[in-house]
Amino acid sequence: MNDRKPERRGLGRGLSALMADAYLTPEEPNAPPRRAETHVPIEFIEPNPDQPRRTFDADRLEELAASIREKGVIQPLIVRRHPRKDNHYEIVAGERRWRAAQIAQQHELPVIIRDLSDTEVLEVAIIENIQRADLNPLEEALSYRQLMDRFGHTQEKLAEALSKSRSHIANQLRLLNLPVEVQDFLRDGKLTAGHARAMITALDPIRLARDTVSKGLSVREVERLAQKPRDAAPKAPAAPRSKDADTVALENDLSAALGLKVSIAAKGAQSGQVVVAYADFEELDRICQALSNAR
């Protein structure tokens, strides 16, 4: 009995080779020979039900369909044999081309058939979205997180296989630490990735995000506001000291004499201030007359 555990496939070189066909285009001058492709009737090709990308921009599909009508599908789809239907195939990479080809009323498509497991299909689908689709920053960050959580890949391996810097991947992943409301602004395009990254260390990122959207703040302005020290929050006002009975009685006497609200605030053993409140100029004149008559 063979108890040897199966060797885990590393992302780097293994996946790079797996994706080579999907990203190879005839315009590349030094491209290696492409694996043999075949043509399959379009009705025998089905999308991957676990495809993480659920929405496809209609205008972009129309643009691609127009190109396909003129030049055909230049880049073949990567497919695998359908796990439950004979003579049918499931898309691994290229669903956007498949959708556009249907709009362009193509009858068959060029494909490269690969033998892939369900796990590998999902992995390739996620990475193809990162490389090919017009993802917003949050979708990109979620794709990185899914690759790391589901397949155990590190930031270094992702950077190597996706031809991106490790700092880029790290910065995108930090966006997932933002509150949900701020992430919604980012997903809807109301905030840029630069705005959102500047808010990560802010004392109140939600309020800052709302102000940024309503006032149209620049990234530099957001960075400046986010850098305010955390101890800069206004201190609660000190509770006023209770007044003694003599002071309250004197306030009442003055208020009765003037017909106005009078407040006495002591600031020491023998000092303080008297505040007389008035509602309009007539009441102010009354105060002035009372002070003049007191001379």
Protein backbone atom coordinates (compact mmCIF):
# COMPACT_ATOMS: atom_id res chain seq x y z
CA MET A 1 0.00 0.00 0.00
CA ASN A 2 1.39 3.39 -0.97
CA ASP A 3 0.99 5.85 1.89
CA ARG A 4 2.86 8.68 0.24
CA LYS A 5 0.85 11.90 0.41
CA PRO A 6 0.17 13.65 -2.90
CA GLU A 7 2.54 16.50 -3.54
CA ARG A 8 0.86 19.88 -3.43
CA ARG A 9 1.09 21.77 -6.69
CA GLY A 10 2.82 25.09 -6.17
CA LEU A 11 1.34 28.20 -7.74
CA GLY A 12 4.40 29.78 -9.33
CA ARG A 13 5.81 27.78 -12.21
CA GLY A 14 3.02 25.18 -12.33
CA LEU A 15 0.26 27.70 -12.74
CA SER A 16 2.30 29.90 -15.06
CA ALA A 17 2.61 26.94 -17.42
CA LEU A 18 -1.09 26.17 -17.00
CA MET A 19 -2.08 29.70 -17.95
CA ALA A 20 0.40 30.12 -20.81
CA ASP A 21 -2.14 29.15 -23.48
CA ALA A 22 -4.79 31.48 -22.12
CA TYR A 23 -2.55 34.55 -22.29
CA LEU A 24 -0.68 33.75 -25.50
CA THR A 25 -1.57 35.95 -28.47
CA PRO A 26 -0.28 35.78 -32.05
CA GLU A 27 1.03 39.33 -31.81
CA GLU A 28 3.76 38.31 -29.36
CA PRO A 29 6.95 38.09 -31.46
CA ASN A 30 8.79 35.60 -29.23
CA ALA A 31 5.81 33.48 -28.25
CA PRO A 32 6.52 29.74 -28.03
CA PRO A 33 4.48 27.38 -30.22
CA ARG A 34 0.92 27.10 -29.00
CA ARG A 35 -0.50 23.75 -27.94
CA ALA A 36 -2.64 22.10 -30.59
CA GLU A 37 -6.11 23.62 -30.73
CA THR A 38 -9.32 22.29 -32.15
CA HIS A 39 -12.66 23.80 -33.13
CA VAL A 40 -15.80 22.88 -31.21
CA PRO A 41 -19.44 23.80 -32.00
CA ILE A 42 -20.41 26.67 -29.73
CA GLU A 43 -23.52 24.83 -28.46
CA PHE A 44 -21.24 22.11 -27.03
CA ILE A 45 -19.42 24.63 -24.80
CA GLU A 46 -20.79 25.62 -21.39
CA PRO A 47 -19.60 28.14 -18.79
CA ASN A 48 -18.10 27.07 -15.50
CA PRO A 49 -20.90 27.19 -12.88
CA ASP A 50 -18.32 28.16 -10.23
CA GLN A 51 -17.00 31.09 -12.25
CA PRO A 52 -16.34 33.81 -9.65
CA ARG A 53 -17.10 36.57 -12.15
CA ARG A 54 -20.89 36.94 -12.34
CA THR A 55 -21.36 40.18 -14.30
CA PHE A 56 -20.09 41.08 -17.76
CA ASP A 57 -20.29 44.62 -19.11
CA ALA A 58 -22.77 44.66 -22.00
CA ASP A 59 -21.02 47.48 -23.91
CA ARG A 60 -17.67 45.73 -23.74
CA LEU A 61 -19.23 42.48 -24.93
CA GLU A 62 -20.69 44.31 -27.92
CA GLU A 63 -17.27 45.78 -28.74
CA LEU A 64 -15.68 42.35 -28.57
CA ALA A 65 -18.49 40.86 -30.66
CA ALA A 66 -17.87 43.47 -33.36
CA SER A 67 -14.18 42.52 -33.41
CA ILE A 68 -15.07 38.81 -33.62
CA ARG A 69 -17.39 39.44 -36.58
CA GLU A 70 -14.50 41.08 -38.40
CA LYS A 71 -11.53 38.91 -37.40
CA GLY A 72 -12.97 35.86 -35.67
CA VAL A 73 -11.86 34.52 -32.28
CA ILE A 74 -8.09 34.87 -32.47
CA GLN A 75 -7.29 33.60 -28.98
CA PRO A 76 -8.64 30.08 -28.21
CA LEU A 77 -10.61 29.27 -25.09
CA ILE A 78 -9.17 26.90 -22.50
CA VAL A 79 -11.71 24.14 -21.78
CA ARG A 80 -11.92 20.77 -20.11
CA ARG A 81 -14.19 17.85 -20.92
CA HIS A 82 -17.55 18.24 -19.26
CA PRO A 83 -17.68 16.09 -16.10
CA ARG A 84 -21.26 14.94 -16.78
CA LYS A 85 -22.01 15.36 -20.52
CA ASP A 86 -20.36 13.43 -23.33
CA ASN A 87 -18.92 15.51 -26.19
CA HIS A 88 -19.47 18.69 -24.20
CA TYR A 89 -16.86 21.01 -22.73
CA GLU A 90 -16.67 23.36 -19.76
CA ILE A 91 -14.89 26.71 -19.99
CA VAL A 92 -11.78 27.14 -17.88
CA ALA A 93 -10.67 30.51 -19.31
CA GLY A 94 -12.41 32.65 -21.90
CA GLU A 95 -16.08 32.96 -20.92
CA ARG A 96 -16.14 36.56 -22.08
CA ARG A 97 -15.04 35.49 -25.58
CA TRP A 98 -17.67 32.74 -25.54
CA ARG A 99 -20.43 35.23 -24.68
CA ALA A 100 -19.28 37.71 -27.32
CA ALA A 101 -19.06 34.93 -29.92
CA GLN A 102 -22.72 34.11 -29.29
CA ILE A 103 -23.64 37.75 -29.89
CA ALA A 104 -21.57 37.63 -33.09
CA GLN A 105 -23.48 34.43 -34.09
CA GLN A 106 -20.37 32.29 -34.41
CA HIS A 107 -21.00 28.57 -34.98
CA GLU A 108 -17.75 27.15 -33.56
CA LEU A 109 -14.85 28.30 -31.45
CA PRO A 110 -11.14 27.46 -31.25
CA VAL A 111 -10.34 25.70 -27.97
CA ILE A 112 -7.45 24.05 -26.18
CA ILE A 113 -8.57 21.04 -24.16
CA ARG A 114 -6.90 20.52 -20.79
CA ASP A 115 -7.27 17.83 -18.14
CA LEU A 116 -7.96 19.81 -14.96
CA SER A 117 -9.52 19.11 -11.58
CA ASP A 118 -12.34 21.15 -10.11
CA THR A 119 -9.87 22.90 -7.80
CA GLU A 120 -7.55 23.81 -10.65
CA VAL A 121 -10.47 25.12 -12.72
CA LEU A 122 -11.56 27.45 -9.93
CA GLU A 123 -7.99 28.59 -9.34
CA VAL A 124 -7.45 29.41 -13.00
CA ALA A 125 -10.83 31.19 -13.20
CA ILE A 126 -9.90 33.49 -10.32
CA ILE A 127 -6.52 34.31 -11.78
CA GLU A 128 -7.92 34.89 -15.25
CA ASN A 129 -10.29 37.46 -13.77
CA ILE A 130 -7.38 39.24 -12.10
CA GLN A 131 -5.35 39.28 -15.30
CA ARG A 132 -8.03 39.89 -17.88
CA ALA A 133 -11.19 41.41 -16.41
CA ASP A 134 -11.74 45.05 -15.51
CA LEU A 135 -12.05 44.46 -11.78
CA ASN A 136 -12.52 47.26 -9.30
CA PRO A 137 -9.89 47.41 -6.51
CA LEU A 138 -12.10 45.64 -4.00
CA GLU A 139 -12.89 42.75 -6.36
CA GLU A 140 -9.18 42.41 -7.03
CA ALA A 141 -8.43 42.32 -3.30
CA LEU A 142 -11.12 39.70 -2.72
CA SER A 143 -9.64 37.55 -5.49
CA TYR A 144 -6.22 37.68 -3.84
CA ARG A 145 -7.74 36.78 -0.49
CA GLN A 146 -9.62 33.85 -2.03
CA LEU A 147 -6.43 32.51 -3.60
CA MET A 148 -4.61 32.77 -0.27
CA ASP A 149 -7.39 31.32 1.89
CA ARG A 150 -8.56 28.51 -0.42
CA PHE A 151 -5.26 27.44 -1.94
CA GLY A 152 -2.69 28.51 0.67
CA HIS A 153 -0.72 30.80 -1.65
CA THR A 154 1.52 33.50 -0.21
CA GLN A 155 1.76 37.11 -1.32
CA GLU A 156 5.21 36.37 -2.74
CA LYS A 157 3.91 33.48 -4.88
CA LEU A 158 0.99 35.54 -6.12
CA ALA A 159 3.29 38.40 -7.06
CA GLU A 160 5.57 36.02 -8.96
CA ALA A 161 2.81 34.24 -10.89
CA LEU A 162 0.74 37.36 -11.66
CA SER A 163 3.69 39.61 -12.55
CA LYS A 164 2.71 42.13 -9.90
CA SER A 165 4.74 43.64 -7.09
CA ARG A 166 4.29 42.26 -3.61
CA SER A 167 3.58 45.78 -2.34
CA HIS A 168 0.70 46.12 -4.82
CA ILE A 169 -0.89 42.91 -3.58
CA ALA A 170 -0.35 43.88 0.06
CA ASN A 171 -1.88 47.33 -0.50
CA GLN A 172 -4.92 45.86 -2.22
CA LEU A 173 -5.44 43.34 0.59
CA ARG A 174 -5.41 46.16 3.15
CA LEU A 175 -8.59 47.52 1.57
CA LEU A 176 -10.44 44.55 3.07
CA ASN A 177 -9.77 46.00 6.55
CA LEU A 178 -11.99 49.02 5.84
CA PRO A 179 -15.56 49.22 7.21
CA VAL A 180 -18.28 47.81 4.97
CA GLU A 181 -19.71 51.23 4.12
CA VAL A 182 -16.33 52.46 2.88
CA GLN A 183 -15.91 49.26 0.85
CA ASP A 184 -19.31 49.91 -0.74
CA PHE A 185 -18.19 53.40 -1.82
CA LEU A 186 -15.08 51.82 -3.34
CA ARG A 187 -17.04 49.06 -5.09
CA ASP A 188 -19.46 51.62 -6.57
CA GLY A 189 -16.61 53.77 -7.90
CA LYS A 190 -17.36 56.68 -5.57
CA LEU A 191 -13.88 56.32 -4.05
CA THR A 192 -10.60 55.43 -5.74
CA ALA A 193 -8.15 52.92 -4.32
CA GLY A 194 -5.90 55.86 -3.38
CA HIS A 195 -8.69 57.46 -1.38
CA ALA A 196 -9.52 54.18 0.36
CA ARG A 197 -5.92 53.34 1.26
CA ALA A 198 -5.52 56.76 2.86
CA MET A 199 -8.53 56.05 5.09
CA ILE A 200 -7.22 52.79 6.53
CA THR A 201 -5.46 54.49 9.46
CA ALA A 202 -8.03 57.27 9.93
CA LEU A 203 -9.71 57.68 13.31
CA ASP A 204 -13.17 57.66 11.70
CA PRO A 205 -12.89 56.23 8.15
CA ILE A 206 -16.67 56.15 7.60
CA ARG A 207 -17.09 59.86 8.30
CA LEU A 208 -14.03 60.66 6.22
CA ALA A 209 -15.39 58.58 3.34
CA ARG A 210 -18.75 60.35 3.48
CA ASP A 211 -17.03 63.76 3.46
CA THR A 212 -14.83 62.69 0.56
CA VAL A 213 -17.84 61.64 -1.53
CA SER A 214 -19.97 64.68 -0.69
CA LYS A 215 -17.20 67.29 -1.02
CA GLY A 216 -15.15 65.67 -3.79
CA LEU A 217 -11.93 65.65 -1.74
CA SER A 218 -8.66 64.78 -3.46
CA VAL A 219 -6.42 61.93 -2.35
CA ARG A 220 -3.94 64.45 -0.88
CA GLU A 221 -6.69 66.12 1.14
CA VAL A 222 -7.85 62.74 2.45
CA GLU A 223 -4.27 61.81 3.38
CA ARG A 224 -3.88 65.06 5.31
CA LEU A 225 -7.17 64.60 7.18
CA ALA A 226 -6.41 60.94 7.94
CA GLN A 227 -3.05 61.85 9.50
CA LYS A 228 -4.57 63.90 12.29
CA PRO A 229 -3.38 62.45 15.61
CA ARG A 230 -5.80 60.16 17.37
CA ASP A 231 -5.57 62.27 20.54
CA ALA A 232 -6.80 65.32 18.65
CA ALA A 233 -10.43 64.43 19.32
CA PRO A 234 -12.19 67.24 21.25
CA LYS A 235 -12.28 66.76 24.98
CA ALA A 236 -15.62 66.66 26.72
CA PRO A 237 -16.38 69.96 28.48
CA ALA A 238 -15.87 69.95 32.20
CA ALA A 239 -19.02 69.64 34.23
CA PRO A 240 -20.01 73.02 35.71
CA ARG A 241 -19.53 73.46 39.43
CA SER A 242 -22.76 73.60 41.44
CA LYS A 243 -23.72 77.09 42.76
CA ASP A 244 -24.31 77.77 46.41
CA ALA A 245 -27.68 78.91 47.68
CA ASP A 246 -26.57 82.56 48.13
CA THR A 247 -25.45 82.81 44.51
CA VAL A 248 -28.70 81.31 43.23
CA ALA A 249 -30.73 83.72 45.39
CA LEU A 250 -28.75 86.71 44.07
CA GLU A 251 -29.34 85.54 40.46
CA ASN A 252 -33.08 85.40 41.15
CA ASP A 253 -33.13 88.89 42.69
CA LEU A 254 -31.28 90.44 39.73
CA SER A 255 -33.43 88.60 37.22
CA ALA A 256 -36.58 89.91 38.95
CA ALA A 257 -35.25 93.48 39.04
CA LEU A 258 -34.23 93.53 35.35
CA GLY A 259 -36.89 91.23 33.99
CA LEU A 260 -34.12 89.34 32.20
CA LYS A 261 -32.14 86.13 32.71
CA VAL A 262 -29.10 86.77 34.90
CA SER A 263 -26.30 84.25 35.54
CA ILE A 264 -23.44 84.61 38.01
CA ALA A 265 -20.26 82.53 37.50
CA ALA A 266 -17.65 82.54 40.25
CA LYS A 267 -14.01 82.26 39.11
CA GLY A 268 -12.32 82.30 42.44
CA ALA A 269 -12.88 83.12 46.06
CA GLN A 270 -13.69 86.81 45.35
CA SER A 271 -14.00 87.14 41.57
CA GLY A 272 -16.33 86.10 38.79
CA GLN A 273 -18.65 87.45 36.13
CA VAL A 274 -22.29 88.42 35.74
CA VAL A 275 -24.00 87.55 32.45
CA VAL A 276 -27.26 89.21 31.47
CA ALA A 277 -28.98 87.59 28.51
CA TYR A 278 -31.19 89.60 26.13
CA ALA A 279 -33.36 88.47 23.24
CA ASP A 280 -33.57 91.70 21.19
CA PHE A 281 -32.44 95.32 21.05
CA GLU A 282 -35.35 96.49 23.24
CA GLU A 283 -34.12 94.30 26.07
CA LEU A 284 -30.57 95.56 25.48
CA ASP A 285 -31.83 99.17 25.80
CA ARG A 286 -33.50 98.22 29.07
CA ILE A 287 -30.16 96.95 30.41
CA CYS A 288 -28.40 100.13 29.35
CA GLN A 289 -31.05 102.34 31.01
CA ALA A 290 -30.84 100.31 34.21
CA LEU A 291 -27.07 100.74 34.31
CA SER A 292 -27.34 104.49 33.62
CA ASN A 293 -29.89 105.01 36.39
CA ALA A 294 -27.63 103.15 38.81
CA ARG A 295 -24.87 105.79 38.52
